[in-house]
Every structure is written in structure tokens, then in C-alpha cells.
Amino acid sequence: MVEGSCLCGKIGYQVEINPDNVLNCHCKFCRKAHGADYATMAIVDASTFKLIDENGCLKEHQSGAGGYRAFCSECGTRLMNYSPDRKSFFCVSLSTVDTALDLKPVAHINVESKAHWCEPYEGIPQFSAFPESL
């Protein structure tokens, strides 16, 4: 189990992360939500996720892709995104993990909508969409 939190510390979580499921997502939704060229996300099994939110700060936004993006209403940290059933798809933003980990992304995904100034680094595969193999 690893631990993570938002910037202000009002929301925390615990979850199991599989090193083979860490991706750099270049979709326009992740880019805008993170204010960055891409977001590094870890796809996780939602059944291992434990939320710690005593103040009720976690808020959701339904994205244009049909899923949800969850964030802290106090500091704005984007913590995770997931499918409506929270089982088909659930990921956490790797930037919110507090536990020291030696993880590296295994792929760049959604590069068809990457920022025109961003050149994904080589050495890992690039996919135009979300690959079924992951």
C-alpha cells in the first residue's frame, strides 16, 4: 500500500499500485485538468483504494470523456479519475503519492491530442489512444 494526499493535506488516501500500470496521458482533458503537458497516472484496482476525507473536501467533475475527475475543493489538487461505476477504470495522479516509489511510466497514451510543443520522450511506447493491452 502507498499513501497519497492533496497539497493542503485535508484529503489522503491509501492504494496498491502496480508498476506496470503507470502511464503518461496526453489527452486534452488531463492536460487542462493538470495545467501541464501530460499527467502521469497509475491505473489501480478500486477495491484497494481507501479515502481519508474527514472534512468532505473531495469534489467530482464529470469530464467530457464520460468519467469523473476528483479534486480537493480547498487546494484544487486533482487526485484521481474514474469511470461512473468506479470499477471499469480508476486511476490516481502519481504526483499526489507521498510514499517514496521507484516507478517509471510504461507508455505515453492519447498522443493524438498531445500539446503541439510536447515531444514525448523515447524509450517507452506511444499510443494514439488508450491501449487495450494495459
C-alpha atoms as a PDB file:
ATOM      1  CA  MET A   1       0.000   0.000   0.000  1.00  0.00           C
ATOM      2  CA  VAL A   2       1.131   3.514  -0.762  1.00  0.00           C
ATOM      3  CA  GLU A   3      -0.158   6.728   0.717  1.00  0.00           C
ATOM      4  CA  GLY A   4      -1.051   9.933  -1.057  1.00  0.00           C
ATOM      5  CA  SER A   5      -2.621  13.290  -0.312  1.00  0.00           C
ATOM      6  CA  CYS A   6      -3.632  16.652  -1.697  1.00  0.00           C
ATOM      7  CA  LEU A   7      -1.489  19.782  -1.366  1.00  0.00           C
ATOM      8  CA  CYS A   8      -3.269  21.117   1.749  1.00  0.00           C
ATOM      9  CA  GLY A   9      -3.412  17.679   3.399  1.00  0.00           C
ATOM     10  CA  LYS A  10      -7.170  17.648   4.004  1.00  0.00           C
ATOM     11  CA  ILE A  11      -7.592  14.587   1.779  1.00  0.00           C
ATOM     12  CA  GLY A  12      -5.498  11.463   1.986  1.00  0.00           C
ATOM     13  CA  TYR A  13      -5.675   8.007   0.522  1.00  0.00           C
ATOM     14  CA  GLN A  14      -4.105   4.567   0.522  1.00  0.00           C
ATOM     15  CA  VAL A  15      -3.959   2.321  -2.521  1.00  0.00           C
ATOM     16  CA  GLU A  16      -1.998  -0.500  -4.121  1.00  0.00           C
ATOM     17  CA  ILE A  17      -0.085   0.498  -7.264  1.00  0.00           C
ATOM     18  CA  ASN A  18       1.059  -1.945  -9.924  1.00  0.00           C
ATOM     19  CA  PRO A  19       4.290  -0.619 -11.532  1.00  0.00           C
ATOM     20  CA  ASP A  20       3.150  -1.989 -14.917  1.00  0.00           C
ATOM     21  CA  ASN A  21       0.153   0.368 -14.946  1.00  0.00           C
ATOM     22  CA  VAL A  22       1.821   3.793 -14.805  1.00  0.00           C
ATOM     23  CA  LEU A  23       1.117   5.949 -17.873  1.00  0.00           C
ATOM     24  CA  ASN A  24       1.714   9.445 -19.197  1.00  0.00           C
ATOM     25  CA  CYS A  25      -1.642  10.639 -20.503  1.00  0.00           C
ATOM     26  CA  HIS A  26      -1.516  13.370 -23.151  1.00  0.00           C
ATOM     27  CA  CYS A  27      -5.289  13.784 -23.656  1.00  0.00           C
ATOM     28  CA  LYS A  28      -6.689  17.303 -23.655  1.00  0.00           C
ATOM     29  CA  PHE A  29      -8.729  16.601 -20.518  1.00  0.00           C
ATOM     30  CA  CYS A  30      -5.675  15.575 -18.449  1.00  0.00           C
ATOM     31  CA  ARG A  31      -3.614  18.435 -19.853  1.00  0.00           C
ATOM     32  CA  LYS A  32      -6.219  21.018 -18.891  1.00  0.00           C
ATOM     33  CA  ALA A  33      -7.027  19.462 -15.510  1.00  0.00           C
ATOM     34  CA  HIS A  34      -3.341  19.375 -14.536  1.00  0.00           C
ATOM     35  CA  GLY A  35      -2.186  22.516 -16.317  1.00  0.00           C
ATOM     36  CA  ALA A  36       0.692  20.530 -17.784  1.00  0.00           C
ATOM     37  CA  ASP A  37       1.882  18.855 -20.995  1.00  0.00           C
ATOM     38  CA  TYR A  38       0.648  15.496 -19.680  1.00  0.00           C
ATOM     39  CA  ALA A  39      -0.418  13.769 -16.478  1.00  0.00           C
ATOM     40  CA  THR A  40       1.328  10.725 -15.056  1.00  0.00           C
ATOM     41  CA  MET A  41      -1.377   8.388 -13.806  1.00  0.00           C
ATOM     42  CA  ALA A  42      -1.386   4.992 -12.105  1.00  0.00           C
ATOM     43  CA  ILE A  43      -4.259   2.705 -13.006  1.00  0.00           C
ATOM     44  CA  VAL A  44      -5.302   0.948  -9.801  1.00  0.00           C
ATOM     45  CA  ASP A  45      -7.794  -1.615  -8.561  1.00  0.00           C
ATOM     46  CA  ALA A  46     -10.504   0.500  -6.913  1.00  0.00           C
ATOM     47  CA  SER A  47     -11.108  -2.211  -4.312  1.00  0.00           C
ATOM     48  CA  THR A  48      -7.671  -1.390  -2.826  1.00  0.00           C
ATOM     49  CA  PHE A  49      -8.438   2.339  -2.561  1.00  0.00           C
ATOM     50  CA  LYS A  50      -9.157   3.852   0.862  1.00  0.00           C
ATOM     51  CA  LEU A  51     -10.158   7.527   1.005  1.00  0.00           C
ATOM     52  CA  ILE A  52      -9.459   9.678   4.065  1.00  0.00           C
ATOM     53  CA  ASP A  53     -11.616  12.823   3.841  1.00  0.00           C
ATOM     54  CA  GLU A  54     -12.927  13.808   7.280  1.00  0.00           C
ATOM     55  CA  ASN A  55     -13.882  17.314   6.126  1.00  0.00           C
ATOM     56  CA  GLY A  56     -15.782  16.309   2.974  1.00  0.00           C
ATOM     57  CA  CYS A  57     -13.393  18.206   0.704  1.00  0.00           C
ATOM     58  CA  LEU A  58     -13.400  15.706  -2.190  1.00  0.00           C
ATOM     59  CA  LYS A  59     -15.439  17.002  -5.115  1.00  0.00           C
ATOM     60  CA  GLU A  60     -16.137  15.481  -8.528  1.00  0.00           C
ATOM     61  CA  HIS A  61     -16.333  16.908 -12.002  1.00  0.00           C
ATOM     62  CA  GLN A  62     -17.850  14.853 -14.814  1.00  0.00           C
ATOM     63  CA  SER A  63     -15.409  15.129 -17.685  1.00  0.00           C
ATOM     64  CA  GLY A  64     -16.146  15.335 -21.371  1.00  0.00           C
ATOM     65  CA  ALA A  65     -14.924  11.749 -21.671  1.00  0.00           C
ATOM     66  CA  GLY A  66     -17.830  10.495 -19.508  1.00  0.00           C
ATOM     67  CA  GLY A  67     -15.857   9.708 -16.361  1.00  0.00           C
ATOM     68  CA  TYR A  68     -15.198  11.682 -13.233  1.00  0.00           C
ATOM     69  CA  ARG A  69     -12.216  13.704 -12.051  1.00  0.00           C
ATOM     70  CA  ALA A  70     -11.959  14.121  -8.295  1.00  0.00           C
ATOM     71  CA  PHE A  71     -10.168  17.006  -6.642  1.00  0.00           C
ATOM     72  CA  CYS A  72      -9.764  18.785  -3.322  1.00  0.00           C
ATOM     73  CA  SER A  73     -12.209  21.683  -3.001  1.00  0.00           C
ATOM     74  CA  GLU A  74      -9.792  23.508  -0.689  1.00  0.00           C
ATOM     75  CA  CYS A  75      -6.494  23.443  -2.619  1.00  0.00           C
ATOM     76  CA  GLY A  76      -7.622  22.226  -6.068  1.00  0.00           C
ATOM     77  CA  THR A  77      -5.313  19.198  -6.223  1.00  0.00           C
ATOM     78  CA  ARG A  78      -6.504  16.699  -8.819  1.00  0.00           C
ATOM     79  CA  LEU A  79      -6.290  13.338  -7.071  1.00  0.00           C
ATOM     80  CA  MET A  80      -7.926  10.729  -9.283  1.00  0.00           C
ATOM     81  CA  ASN A  81     -10.251   9.952 -12.147  1.00  0.00           C
ATOM     82  CA  TYR A  82     -12.602   7.043 -12.652  1.00  0.00           C
ATOM     83  CA  SER A  83     -15.487   5.561 -14.578  1.00  0.00           C
ATOM     84  CA  PRO A  84     -19.049   6.100 -13.296  1.00  0.00           C
ATOM     85  CA  ASP A  85     -19.048   2.617 -11.724  1.00  0.00           C
ATOM     86  CA  ARG A  86     -15.554   3.176 -10.227  1.00  0.00           C
ATOM     87  CA  LYS A  87     -14.666  -0.377 -11.296  1.00  0.00           C
ATOM     88  CA  SER A  88     -14.092  -0.281 -15.052  1.00  0.00           C
ATOM     89  CA  PHE A  89     -11.450   2.400 -14.710  1.00  0.00           C
ATOM     90  CA  PHE A  90      -9.823   4.037 -11.676  1.00  0.00           C
ATOM     91  CA  CYS A  91      -6.532   5.924 -11.548  1.00  0.00           C
ATOM     92  CA  VAL A  92      -4.653   8.165  -9.199  1.00  0.00           C
ATOM     93  CA  SER A  93      -2.397  11.055 -10.116  1.00  0.00           C
ATOM     94  CA  LEU A  94       1.099   9.828  -9.418  1.00  0.00           C
ATOM     95  CA  SER A  95       2.106  13.365  -8.401  1.00  0.00           C
ATOM     96  CA  THR A  96      -0.110  13.008  -5.293  1.00  0.00           C
ATOM     97  CA  VAL A  97       1.642   9.867  -3.994  1.00  0.00           C
ATOM     98  CA  ASP A  98       3.601  10.605  -0.798  1.00  0.00           C
ATOM     99  CA  THR A  99       5.264   7.196  -0.401  1.00  0.00           C
ATOM    100  CA  ALA A 100       8.720   7.075  -1.981  1.00  0.00           C
ATOM    101  CA  LEU A 101       8.456   4.821  -5.034  1.00  0.00           C
ATOM    102  CA  ASP A 102      10.778   3.838  -7.833  1.00  0.00           C
ATOM    103  CA  LEU A 103       8.208   3.898 -10.628  1.00  0.00           C
ATOM    104  CA  LYS A 104       8.523   4.883 -14.255  1.00  0.00           C
ATOM    105  CA  PRO A 105       5.774   5.254 -16.841  1.00  0.00           C
ATOM    106  CA  VAL A 106       5.432   2.283 -19.179  1.00  0.00           C
ATOM    107  CA  ALA A 107       3.740   4.203 -22.035  1.00  0.00           C
ATOM    108  CA  HIS A 108       2.579   7.524 -23.422  1.00  0.00           C
ATOM    109  CA  ILE A 109      -1.138   7.372 -24.214  1.00  0.00           C
ATOM    110  CA  ASN A 110      -3.527   9.614 -26.138  1.00  0.00           C
ATOM    111  CA  VAL A 111      -0.659  11.210 -28.047  1.00  0.00           C
ATOM    112  CA  GLU A 112      -3.083  12.095 -30.869  1.00  0.00           C
ATOM    113  CA  SER A 113      -4.164  15.071 -28.760  1.00  0.00           C
ATOM    114  CA  LYS A 114      -0.798  15.941 -27.209  1.00  0.00           C
ATOM    115  CA  ALA A 115       0.274  19.560 -26.942  1.00  0.00           C
ATOM    116  CA  HIS A 116       1.954  20.577 -30.202  1.00  0.00           C
ATOM    117  CA  TRP A 117       5.080  21.748 -28.308  1.00  0.00           C
ATOM    118  CA  CYS A 118       5.459  18.490 -26.366  1.00  0.00           C
ATOM    119  CA  GLU A 119       7.694  15.746 -27.712  1.00  0.00           C
ATOM    120  CA  PRO A 120       7.162  12.626 -25.578  1.00  0.00           C
ATOM    121  CA  TYR A 121      10.470  11.167 -24.529  1.00  0.00           C
ATOM    122  CA  GLU A 122      11.578   7.993 -26.245  1.00  0.00           C
ATOM    123  CA  GLY A 123      12.215   4.648 -24.645  1.00  0.00           C
ATOM    124  CA  ILE A 124       8.599   3.733 -23.911  1.00  0.00           C
ATOM    125  CA  PRO A 125       5.791   3.009 -26.387  1.00  0.00           C
ATOM    126  CA  GLN A 126       3.408   5.694 -27.618  1.00  0.00           C
ATOM    127  CA  PHE A 127      -0.261   5.037 -28.323  1.00  0.00           C
ATOM    128  CA  SER A 128      -2.746   7.299 -30.076  1.00  0.00           C
ATOM    129  CA  ALA A 129      -5.498   6.193 -27.675  1.00  0.00           C
ATOM    130  CA  PHE A 130      -5.823   4.051 -24.575  1.00  0.00           C
ATOM    131  CA  PRO A 131      -4.351   0.652 -25.492  1.00  0.00           C
ATOM    132  CA  GLU A 132      -6.461  -2.410 -24.745  1.00  0.00           C
ATOM    133  CA  SER A 133      -3.319  -4.259 -23.629  1.00  0.00           C
ATOM    134  CA  LEU A 134      -2.957  -2.093 -20.494  1.00  0.00           C
END
